[in-house]
Amino acid sequence: MPSPVKEMLYKVTDSRWKNKSTVFTSQLNLEGIVQLIGEGAVGNAIVDRLLNPSKIVTLKGESNR
């Protein structure tokens, strides 16, 4: 993920963390999201704010498209 995008995602997640609900949807599983965001201080902080506290809902089955 490019650094400017990562910084913006951090700002959004940090400003909403523990204050407001945030819905994050993806076709990637959790490991794929972590790999996409990347490691390092900013990447780890984003993942921390997305997962603490969180409820993960995984949909299974055929696509409805």
PDB file of N, CA and C in Angstrom:
ATOM      1  N   MET A   1       0.856  -1.167   0.000  1.00  0.00           N
ATOM      2  CA  MET A   1       0.000   0.000   0.000  1.00  0.00           C
ATOM      3  C   MET A   1       0.904   1.232   0.000  1.00  0.00           C
ATOM      4  N   PRO A   2       0.642   2.173  -0.892  1.00  0.00           N
ATOM      5  CA  PRO A   2       1.465   3.382  -0.928  1.00  0.00           C
ATOM      6  C   PRO A   2       1.406   4.147   0.402  1.00  0.00           C
ATOM      7  N   SER A   3       2.487   4.752   0.752  1.00  0.00           N
ATOM      8  CA  SER A   3       2.604   5.455   2.030  1.00  0.00           C
ATOM      9  C   SER A   3       1.532   6.528   2.246  1.00  0.00           C
ATOM     10  N   PRO A   4       1.217   7.378   1.258  1.00  0.00           N
ATOM     11  CA  PRO A   4       0.174   8.384   1.495  1.00  0.00           C
ATOM     12  C   PRO A   4      -1.200   7.761   1.796  1.00  0.00           C
ATOM     13  N   VAL A   5      -1.507   6.650   1.135  1.00  0.00           N
ATOM     14  CA  VAL A   5      -2.780   5.963   1.379  1.00  0.00           C
ATOM     15  C   VAL A   5      -2.784   5.367   2.781  1.00  0.00           C
ATOM     16  N   LYS A   6      -1.657   4.792   3.165  1.00  0.00           N
ATOM     17  CA  LYS A   6      -1.536   4.209   4.496  1.00  0.00           C
ATOM     18  C   LYS A   6      -1.682   5.276   5.578  1.00  0.00           C
ATOM     19  N   GLU A   7      -1.096   6.431   5.366  1.00  0.00           N
ATOM     20  CA  GLU A   7      -1.207   7.533   6.327  1.00  0.00           C
ATOM     21  C   GLU A   7      -2.659   8.003   6.461  1.00  0.00           C
ATOM     22  N   MET A   8      -3.365   8.114   5.333  1.00  0.00           N
ATOM     23  CA  MET A   8      -4.765   8.540   5.364  1.00  0.00           C
ATOM     24  C   MET A   8      -5.629   7.494   6.070  1.00  0.00           C
ATOM     25  N   LEU A   9      -5.402   6.217   5.773  1.00  0.00           N
ATOM     26  CA  LEU A   9      -6.150   5.154   6.444  1.00  0.00           C
ATOM     27  C   LEU A   9      -5.892   5.181   7.942  1.00  0.00           C
ATOM     28  N   TYR A  10      -4.648   5.453   8.335  1.00  0.00           N
ATOM     29  CA  TYR A  10      -4.332   5.568   9.762  1.00  0.00           C
ATOM     30  C   TYR A  10      -5.106   6.732  10.394  1.00  0.00           C
ATOM     31  N   LYS A  11      -5.133   7.866   9.727  1.00  0.00           N
ATOM     32  CA  LYS A  11      -5.837   9.033  10.281  1.00  0.00           C
ATOM     33  C   LYS A  11      -7.327   8.737  10.469  1.00  0.00           C
ATOM     34  N   VAL A  12      -7.922   8.077   9.488  1.00  0.00           N
ATOM     35  CA  VAL A  12      -9.349   7.750   9.587  1.00  0.00           C
ATOM     36  C   VAL A  12      -9.594   6.759  10.723  1.00  0.00           C
ATOM     37  N   THR A  13      -8.829   5.669  10.759  1.00  0.00           N
ATOM     38  CA  THR A  13      -9.049   4.665  11.796  1.00  0.00           C
ATOM     39  C   THR A  13      -8.734   5.210  13.182  1.00  0.00           C
ATOM     40  N   ASP A  14      -7.716   6.031  13.290  1.00  0.00           N
ATOM     41  CA  ASP A  14      -7.353   6.583  14.597  1.00  0.00           C
ATOM     42  C   ASP A  14      -8.409   7.563  15.110  1.00  0.00           C
ATOM     43  N   SER A  15      -8.963   8.368  14.213  1.00  0.00           N
ATOM     44  CA  SER A  15      -9.957   9.358  14.646  1.00  0.00           C
ATOM     45  C   SER A  15     -11.274   8.696  15.062  1.00  0.00           C
ATOM     46  N   ARG A  16     -11.575   7.531  14.500  1.00  0.00           N
ATOM     47  CA  ARG A  16     -12.825   6.850  14.815  1.00  0.00           C
ATOM     48  C   ARG A  16     -12.668   5.812  15.924  1.00  0.00           C
ATOM     49  N   TRP A  17     -11.446   5.400  16.201  1.00  0.00           N
ATOM     50  CA  TRP A  17     -11.165   4.329  17.151  1.00  0.00           C
ATOM     51  C   TRP A  17     -11.742   4.647  18.526  1.00  0.00           C
ATOM     52  N   LYS A  18     -12.568   3.735  19.019  1.00  0.00           N
ATOM     53  CA  LYS A  18     -13.219   3.821  20.332  1.00  0.00           C
ATOM     54  C   LYS A  18     -14.205   4.982  20.447  1.00  0.00           C
ATOM     55  N   ASN A  19     -14.490   5.691  19.353  1.00  0.00           N
ATOM     56  CA  ASN A  19     -15.444   6.797  19.366  1.00  0.00           C
ATOM     57  C   ASN A  19     -16.673   6.526  18.519  1.00  0.00           C
ATOM     58  N   LYS A  20     -16.475   5.923  17.357  1.00  0.00           N
ATOM     59  CA  LYS A  20     -17.551   5.712  16.406  1.00  0.00           C
ATOM     60  C   LYS A  20     -17.401   4.345  15.751  1.00  0.00           C
ATOM     61  N   SER A  21     -18.510   3.840  15.265  1.00  0.00           N
ATOM     62  CA  SER A  21     -18.481   2.566  14.548  1.00  0.00           C
ATOM     63  C   SER A  21     -17.911   2.759  13.152  1.00  0.00           C
ATOM     64  N   THR A  22     -17.212   1.750  12.674  1.00  0.00           N
ATOM     65  CA  THR A  22     -16.665   1.777  11.329  1.00  0.00           C
ATOM     66  C   THR A  22     -16.897   0.411  10.697  1.00  0.00           C
ATOM     67  N   VAL A  23     -17.425   0.389   9.499  1.00  0.00           N
ATOM     68  CA  VAL A  23     -17.611  -0.861   8.772  1.00  0.00           C
ATOM     69  C   VAL A  23     -16.526  -0.929   7.701  1.00  0.00           C
ATOM     70  N   PHE A  24     -15.801  -2.018   7.710  1.00  0.00           N
ATOM     71  CA  PHE A  24     -14.704  -2.232   6.772  1.00  0.00           C
ATOM     72  C   PHE A  24     -15.017  -3.522   6.032  1.00  0.00           C
ATOM     73  N   THR A  25     -15.192  -3.463   4.734  1.00  0.00           N
ATOM     74  CA  THR A  25     -15.509  -4.660   3.952  1.00  0.00           C
ATOM     75  C   THR A  25     -14.382  -4.971   2.987  1.00  0.00           C
ATOM     76  N   SER A  26     -14.203  -6.249   2.732  1.00  0.00           N
ATOM     77  CA  SER A  26     -13.140  -6.670   1.835  1.00  0.00           C
ATOM     78  C   SER A  26     -13.411  -8.076   1.334  1.00  0.00           C
ATOM     79  N   GLN A  27     -12.895  -8.384   0.175  1.00  0.00           N
ATOM     80  CA  GLN A  27     -12.935  -9.758  -0.316  1.00  0.00           C
ATOM     81  C   GLN A  27     -11.729 -10.542   0.196  1.00  0.00           C
ATOM     82  N   LEU A  28     -10.807  -9.859   0.859  1.00  0.00           N
ATOM     83  CA  LEU A  28      -9.627 -10.511   1.413  1.00  0.00           C
ATOM     84  C   LEU A  28      -9.922 -11.051   2.802  1.00  0.00           C
ATOM     85  N   ASN A  29      -9.237 -12.135   3.158  1.00  0.00           N
ATOM     86  CA  ASN A  29      -9.335 -12.596   4.539  1.00  0.00           C
ATOM     87  C   ASN A  29      -8.415 -11.737   5.404  1.00  0.00           C
ATOM     88  N   LEU A  30      -8.419 -11.970   6.697  1.00  0.00           N
ATOM     89  CA  LEU A  30      -7.647 -11.131   7.618  1.00  0.00           C
ATOM     90  C   LEU A  30      -6.160 -11.123   7.273  1.00  0.00           C
ATOM     91  N   GLU A  31      -5.612 -12.270   6.938  1.00  0.00           N
ATOM     92  CA  GLU A  31      -4.187 -12.323   6.590  1.00  0.00           C
ATOM     93  C   GLU A  31      -3.896 -11.504   5.333  1.00  0.00           C
ATOM     94  N   GLY A  32      -4.822 -11.532   4.374  1.00  0.00           N
ATOM     95  CA  GLY A  32      -4.646 -10.747   3.157  1.00  0.00           C
ATOM     96  C   GLY A  32      -4.692  -9.249   3.419  1.00  0.00           C
ATOM     97  N   ILE A  33      -5.565  -8.836   4.344  1.00  0.00           N
ATOM     98  CA  ILE A  33      -5.650  -7.418   4.695  1.00  0.00           C
ATOM     99  C   ILE A  33      -4.365  -6.966   5.370  1.00  0.00           C
ATOM    100  N   VAL A  34      -3.855  -7.788   6.286  1.00  0.00           N
ATOM    101  CA  VAL A  34      -2.603  -7.452   6.974  1.00  0.00           C
ATOM    102  C   VAL A  34      -1.467  -7.354   5.966  1.00  0.00           C
ATOM    103  N   GLN A  35      -1.425  -8.275   5.014  1.00  0.00           N
ATOM    104  CA  GLN A  35      -0.378  -8.238   3.985  1.00  0.00           C
ATOM    105  C   GLN A  35      -0.526  -6.999   3.101  1.00  0.00           C
ATOM    106  N   LEU A  36      -1.758  -6.632   2.760  1.00  0.00           N
ATOM    107  CA  LEU A  36      -1.997  -5.456   1.927  1.00  0.00           C
ATOM    108  C   LEU A  36      -1.550  -4.172   2.624  1.00  0.00           C
ATOM    109  N   ILE A  37      -1.923  -4.031   3.900  1.00  0.00           N
ATOM    110  CA  ILE A  37      -1.566  -2.825   4.655  1.00  0.00           C
ATOM    111  C   ILE A  37      -0.063  -2.764   4.885  1.00  0.00           C
ATOM    112  N   GLY A  38       0.545  -3.901   5.126  1.00  0.00           N
ATOM    113  CA  GLY A  38       1.988  -3.953   5.317  1.00  0.00           C
ATOM    114  C   GLY A  38       2.387  -3.831   6.771  1.00  0.00           C
ATOM    115  N   GLU A  39       3.648  -4.092   6.991  1.00  0.00           N
ATOM    116  CA  GLU A  39       4.185  -4.040   8.349  1.00  0.00           C
ATOM    117  C   GLU A  39       4.745  -2.658   8.639  1.00  0.00           C
ATOM    118  N   GLY A  40       5.332  -2.516   9.799  1.00  0.00           N
ATOM    119  CA  GLY A  40       5.870  -1.233  10.223  1.00  0.00           C
ATOM    120  C   GLY A  40       4.940  -0.607  11.242  1.00  0.00           C
ATOM    121  N   ALA A  41       5.364   0.482  11.814  1.00  0.00           N
ATOM    122  CA  ALA A  41       4.617   1.122  12.895  1.00  0.00           C
ATOM    123  C   ALA A  41       3.227   1.564  12.451  1.00  0.00           C
ATOM    124  N   VAL A  42       3.117   2.194  11.303  1.00  0.00           N
ATOM    125  CA  VAL A  42       1.823   2.691  10.835  1.00  0.00           C
ATOM    126  C   VAL A  42       0.910   1.515  10.464  1.00  0.00           C
ATOM    127  N   GLY A  43       1.435   0.540   9.759  1.00  0.00           N
ATOM    128  CA  GLY A  43       0.649  -0.635   9.385  1.00  0.00           C
ATOM    129  C   GLY A  43       0.138  -1.386  10.601  1.00  0.00           C
ATOM    130  N   ASN A  44       0.995  -1.578  11.589  1.00  0.00           N
ATOM    131  CA  ASN A  44       0.581  -2.262  12.813  1.00  0.00           C
ATOM    132  C   ASN A  44      -0.467  -1.461  13.571  1.00  0.00           C
ATOM    133  N   ALA A  45      -0.341  -0.145  13.581  1.00  0.00           N
ATOM    134  CA  ALA A  45      -1.318   0.704  14.275  1.00  0.00           C
ATOM    135  C   ALA A  45      -2.680   0.634  13.584  1.00  0.00           C
ATOM    136  N   ILE A  46      -2.697   0.599  12.262  1.00  0.00           N
ATOM    137  CA  ILE A  46      -3.956   0.490  11.521  1.00  0.00           C
ATOM    138  C   ILE A  46      -4.645  -0.827  11.859  1.00  0.00           C
ATOM    139  N   VAL A  47      -3.904  -1.920  11.778  1.00  0.00           N
ATOM    140  CA  VAL A  47      -4.480  -3.234  12.076  1.00  0.00           C
ATOM    141  C   VAL A  47      -4.973  -3.285  13.514  1.00  0.00           C
ATOM    142  N   ASP A  48      -4.218  -2.720  14.437  1.00  0.00           N
ATOM    143  CA  ASP A  48      -4.635  -2.693  15.839  1.00  0.00           C
ATOM    144  C   ASP A  48      -5.959  -1.964  16.006  1.00  0.00           C
ATOM    145  N   ARG A  49      -6.118  -0.839  15.346  1.00  0.00           N
ATOM    146  CA  ARG A  49      -7.346  -0.052  15.479  1.00  0.00           C
ATOM    147  C   ARG A  49      -8.527  -0.703  14.756  1.00  0.00           C
ATOM    148  N   LEU A  50      -8.253  -1.461  13.711  1.00  0.00           N
ATOM    149  CA  LEU A  50      -9.325  -2.173  13.030  1.00  0.00           C
ATOM    150  C   LEU A  50      -9.799  -3.391  13.826  1.00  0.00           C
ATOM    151  N   LEU A  51      -8.896  -4.007  14.566  1.00  0.00           N
ATOM    152  CA  LEU A  51      -9.235  -5.262  15.246  1.00  0.00           C
ATOM    153  C   LEU A  51      -9.572  -5.118  16.721  1.00  0.00           C
ATOM    154  N   ASN A  52      -9.277  -4.002  17.337  1.00  0.00           N
ATOM    155  CA  ASN A  52      -9.453  -3.867  18.781  1.00  0.00           C
ATOM    156  C   ASN A  52     -10.396  -2.729  19.111  1.00  0.00           C
ATOM    157  N   PRO A  53     -11.578  -2.901  19.535  1.00  0.00           N
ATOM    158  CA  PRO A  53     -12.373  -4.132  19.495  1.00  0.00           C
ATOM    159  C   PRO A  53     -13.069  -4.255  18.143  1.00  0.00           C
ATOM    160  N   SER A  54     -13.369  -5.470  17.730  1.00  0.00           N
ATOM    161  CA  SER A  54     -14.049  -5.645  16.449  1.00  0.00           C
ATOM    162  C   SER A  54     -14.900  -6.903  16.469  1.00  0.00           C
ATOM    163  N   LYS A  55     -15.779  -6.982  15.506  1.00  0.00           N
ATOM    164  CA  LYS A  55     -16.560  -8.187  15.247  1.00  0.00           C
ATOM    165  C   LYS A  55     -16.335  -8.511  13.785  1.00  0.00           C
ATOM    166  N   ILE A  56     -15.827  -9.692  13.535  1.00  0.00           N
ATOM    167  CA  ILE A  56     -15.549 -10.114  12.167  1.00  0.00           C
ATOM    168  C   ILE A  56     -16.674 -11.037  11.717  1.00  0.00           C
ATOM    169  N   VAL A  57     -17.297 -10.685  10.604  1.00  0.00           N
ATOM    170  CA  VAL A  57     -18.377 -11.484  10.031  1.00  0.00           C
ATOM    171  C   VAL A  57     -17.877 -12.024   8.698  1.00  0.00           C
ATOM    172  N   THR A  58     -17.853 -13.337   8.571  1.00  0.00           N
ATOM    173  CA  THR A  58     -17.398 -13.966   7.341  1.00  0.00           C
ATOM    174  C   THR A  58     -18.602 -14.590   6.649  1.00  0.00           C
ATOM    175  N   LEU A  59     -18.846 -14.181   5.429  1.00  0.00           N
ATOM    176  CA  LEU A  59     -19.948 -14.727   4.647  1.00  0.00           C
ATOM    177  C   LEU A  59     -19.427 -15.846   3.775  1.00  0.00           C
ATOM    178  N   LYS A  60     -20.152 -16.946   3.749  1.00  0.00           N
ATOM    179  CA  LYS A  60     -19.751 -18.096   2.925  1.00  0.00           C
ATOM    180  C   LYS A  60     -20.883 -18.450   1.984  1.00  0.00           C
ATOM    181  N   GLY A  61     -20.533 -19.055   0.895  1.00  0.00           N
ATOM    182  CA  GLY A  61     -21.547 -19.477  -0.049  1.00  0.00           C
ATOM    183  C   GLY A  61     -21.306 -18.880  -1.414  1.00  0.00           C
ATOM    184  N   GLU A  62     -22.246 -19.141  -2.289  1.00  0.00           N
ATOM    185  CA  GLU A  62     -22.134 -18.645  -3.648  1.00  0.00           C
ATOM    186  C   GLU A  62     -22.376 -17.147  -3.704  1.00  0.00           C
ATOM    187  N   SER A  63     -21.784 -16.505  -4.684  1.00  0.00           N
ATOM    188  CA  SER A  63     -21.981 -15.081  -4.894  1.00  0.00           C
ATOM    189  C   SER A  63     -23.406 -14.817  -5.364  1.00  0.00           C
ATOM    190  N   ASN A  64     -23.953 -13.699  -4.952  1.00  0.00           N
ATOM    191  CA  ASN A  64     -25.294 -13.319  -5.379  1.00  0.00           C
ATOM    192  C   ASN A  64     -25.269 -12.373  -6.567  1.00  0.00           C
ATOM    193  N   ARG A  65     -24.125 -12.201  -7.158  1.00  0.00           N
ATOM    194  CA  ARG A  65     -24.019 -11.299  -8.309  1.00  0.00           C
ATOM    195  C   ARG A  65     -24.548 -11.954  -9.533  1.00  0.00           C
TER     196      ARG A  65
END
